[in-house]
Amino acid sequence: MVGPRWKIGIACRTLHVKDNYPADGTVETARENGCDLVVMSSHGPSRDLGVLLGSQASKVVSLRDRPVLICR
């Protein structure tokens, strides 16, 4: 991934976690990798826009022990 963040020294990685529930895998992987921030989509492909957060995003926010940035 290339962009302005490299100019100011912000590292970013995209990880694919298999064999785990999405929210649990996201939180566990963030802990294991010492992530300072978790960035994720507000909704998956079904995308019920009448709801503020999708079920997985909502669960990650409730389980988190670090900042979570939700993007729409």
C-alpha atoms as a PDB file:
ATOM      1  CA  MET A   1       0.000   0.000   0.000  1.00  0.00           C
ATOM      2  CA  VAL A   2       1.372   3.363  -0.989  1.00  0.00           C
ATOM      3  CA  GLY A   3       0.209   6.801   0.044  1.00  0.00           C
ATOM      4  CA  PRO A   4       0.847   9.896   2.161  1.00  0.00           C
ATOM      5  CA  ARG A   5       1.087   7.904   5.419  1.00  0.00           C
ATOM      6  CA  TRP A   6       4.493   6.548   4.324  1.00  0.00           C
ATOM      7  CA  LYS A   7       5.818  10.119   4.155  1.00  0.00           C
ATOM      8  CA  ILE A   8       5.102  10.636   7.855  1.00  0.00           C
ATOM      9  CA  GLY A   9       6.068   7.132   8.990  1.00  0.00           C
ATOM     10  CA  ILE A  10       2.712   5.453   9.604  1.00  0.00           C
ATOM     11  CA  ALA A  11       2.931   1.699   9.036  1.00  0.00           C
ATOM     12  CA  CYS A  12      -0.100  -0.208   7.788  1.00  0.00           C
ATOM     13  CA  ARG A  13      -0.730  -3.908   7.193  1.00  0.00           C
ATOM     14  CA  THR A  14      -3.733  -5.783   5.922  1.00  0.00           C
ATOM     15  CA  LEU A  15      -4.120  -9.205   7.531  1.00  0.00           C
ATOM     16  CA  HIS A  16      -6.407 -12.094   6.591  1.00  0.00           C
ATOM     17  CA  VAL A  17      -7.424 -14.269   9.544  1.00  0.00           C
ATOM     18  CA  LYS A  18      -8.966 -17.675   8.849  1.00  0.00           C
ATOM     19  CA  ASP A  19     -10.789 -20.101  11.138  1.00  0.00           C
ATOM     20  CA  ASN A  20     -12.143 -17.593  13.652  1.00  0.00           C
ATOM     21  CA  TYR A  21     -15.288 -15.504  14.088  1.00  0.00           C
ATOM     22  CA  PRO A  22     -14.712 -12.101  12.389  1.00  0.00           C
ATOM     23  CA  ALA A  23     -14.932  -9.901  15.497  1.00  0.00           C
ATOM     24  CA  ASP A  24     -12.975 -12.291  17.727  1.00  0.00           C
ATOM     25  CA  GLY A  25     -10.314 -12.759  15.054  1.00  0.00           C
ATOM     26  CA  THR A  26      -9.980  -9.000  14.552  1.00  0.00           C
ATOM     27  CA  VAL A  27      -9.514  -8.266  18.263  1.00  0.00           C
ATOM     28  CA  GLU A  28      -7.178 -11.237  18.825  1.00  0.00           C
ATOM     29  CA  THR A  29      -5.013 -10.362  15.800  1.00  0.00           C
ATOM     30  CA  ALA A  30      -4.782  -6.710  16.865  1.00  0.00           C
ATOM     31  CA  ARG A  31      -3.551  -7.809  20.310  1.00  0.00           C
ATOM     32  CA  GLU A  32      -1.063 -10.347  18.920  1.00  0.00           C
ATOM     33  CA  ASN A  33       0.414  -7.795  16.495  1.00  0.00           C
ATOM     34  CA  GLY A  34       0.511  -4.837  18.901  1.00  0.00           C
ATOM     35  CA  CYS A  35      -1.725  -2.707  16.687  1.00  0.00           C
ATOM     36  CA  ASP A  36      -2.260   0.874  17.854  1.00  0.00           C
ATOM     37  CA  LEU A  37      -5.477   1.273  15.862  1.00  0.00           C
ATOM     38  CA  VAL A  38      -7.999  -1.043  14.207  1.00  0.00           C
ATOM     39  CA  VAL A  39      -9.624   0.332  11.026  1.00  0.00           C
ATOM     40  CA  MET A  40     -12.681  -1.460   9.669  1.00  0.00           C
ATOM     41  CA  SER A  41     -15.827  -1.021   7.614  1.00  0.00           C
ATOM     42  CA  SER A  42     -19.100  -0.218   9.358  1.00  0.00           C
ATOM     43  CA  HIS A  43     -20.996  -2.910   7.426  1.00  0.00           C
ATOM     44  CA  GLY A  44     -20.324  -6.041   5.443  1.00  0.00           C
ATOM     45  CA  PRO A  45     -21.689  -6.793   1.964  1.00  0.00           C
ATOM     46  CA  SER A  46     -25.348  -7.054   3.104  1.00  0.00           C
ATOM     47  CA  ARG A  47     -25.097  -3.453   4.307  1.00  0.00           C
ATOM     48  CA  ASP A  48     -28.267  -2.514   6.176  1.00  0.00           C
ATOM     49  CA  LEU A  49     -27.806   1.266   6.051  1.00  0.00           C
ATOM     50  CA  GLY A  50     -30.624   1.804   8.535  1.00  0.00           C
ATOM     51  CA  VAL A  51     -28.320   0.507  11.263  1.00  0.00           C
ATOM     52  CA  LEU A  52     -25.431   2.626  12.577  1.00  0.00           C
ATOM     53  CA  LEU A  53     -22.990  -0.307  12.879  1.00  0.00           C
ATOM     54  CA  GLY A  54     -23.073  -3.832  11.511  1.00  0.00           C
ATOM     55  CA  SER A  55     -22.971  -6.739  13.963  1.00  0.00           C
ATOM     56  CA  GLN A  56     -19.235  -7.470  13.578  1.00  0.00           C
ATOM     57  CA  ALA A  57     -18.164  -3.811  13.821  1.00  0.00           C
ATOM     58  CA  SER A  58     -20.374  -3.429  16.881  1.00  0.00           C
ATOM     59  CA  LYS A  59     -18.821  -6.490  18.529  1.00  0.00           C
ATOM     60  CA  VAL A  60     -15.239  -5.332  17.785  1.00  0.00           C
ATOM     61  CA  VAL A  61     -16.012  -1.970  19.404  1.00  0.00           C
ATOM     62  CA  SER A  62     -17.425  -3.726  22.490  1.00  0.00           C
ATOM     63  CA  LEU A  63     -14.469  -6.157  22.810  1.00  0.00           C
ATOM     64  CA  ARG A  64     -11.731  -3.700  22.011  1.00  0.00           C
ATOM     65  CA  ASP A  65      -8.862  -2.640  24.239  1.00  0.00           C
ATOM     66  CA  ARG A  66      -7.487  -0.142  21.697  1.00  0.00           C
ATOM     67  CA  PRO A  67      -8.977   2.549  19.414  1.00  0.00           C
ATOM     68  CA  VAL A  68     -11.229   1.422  16.551  1.00  0.00           C
ATOM     69  CA  LEU A  69     -11.841   3.643  13.493  1.00  0.00           C
ATOM     70  CA  ILE A  70     -15.077   2.740  11.701  1.00  0.00           C
ATOM     71  CA  CYS A  71     -15.353   3.781   8.021  1.00  0.00           C
ATOM     72  CA  ARG A  72     -18.607   3.943   6.075  1.00  0.00           C
END
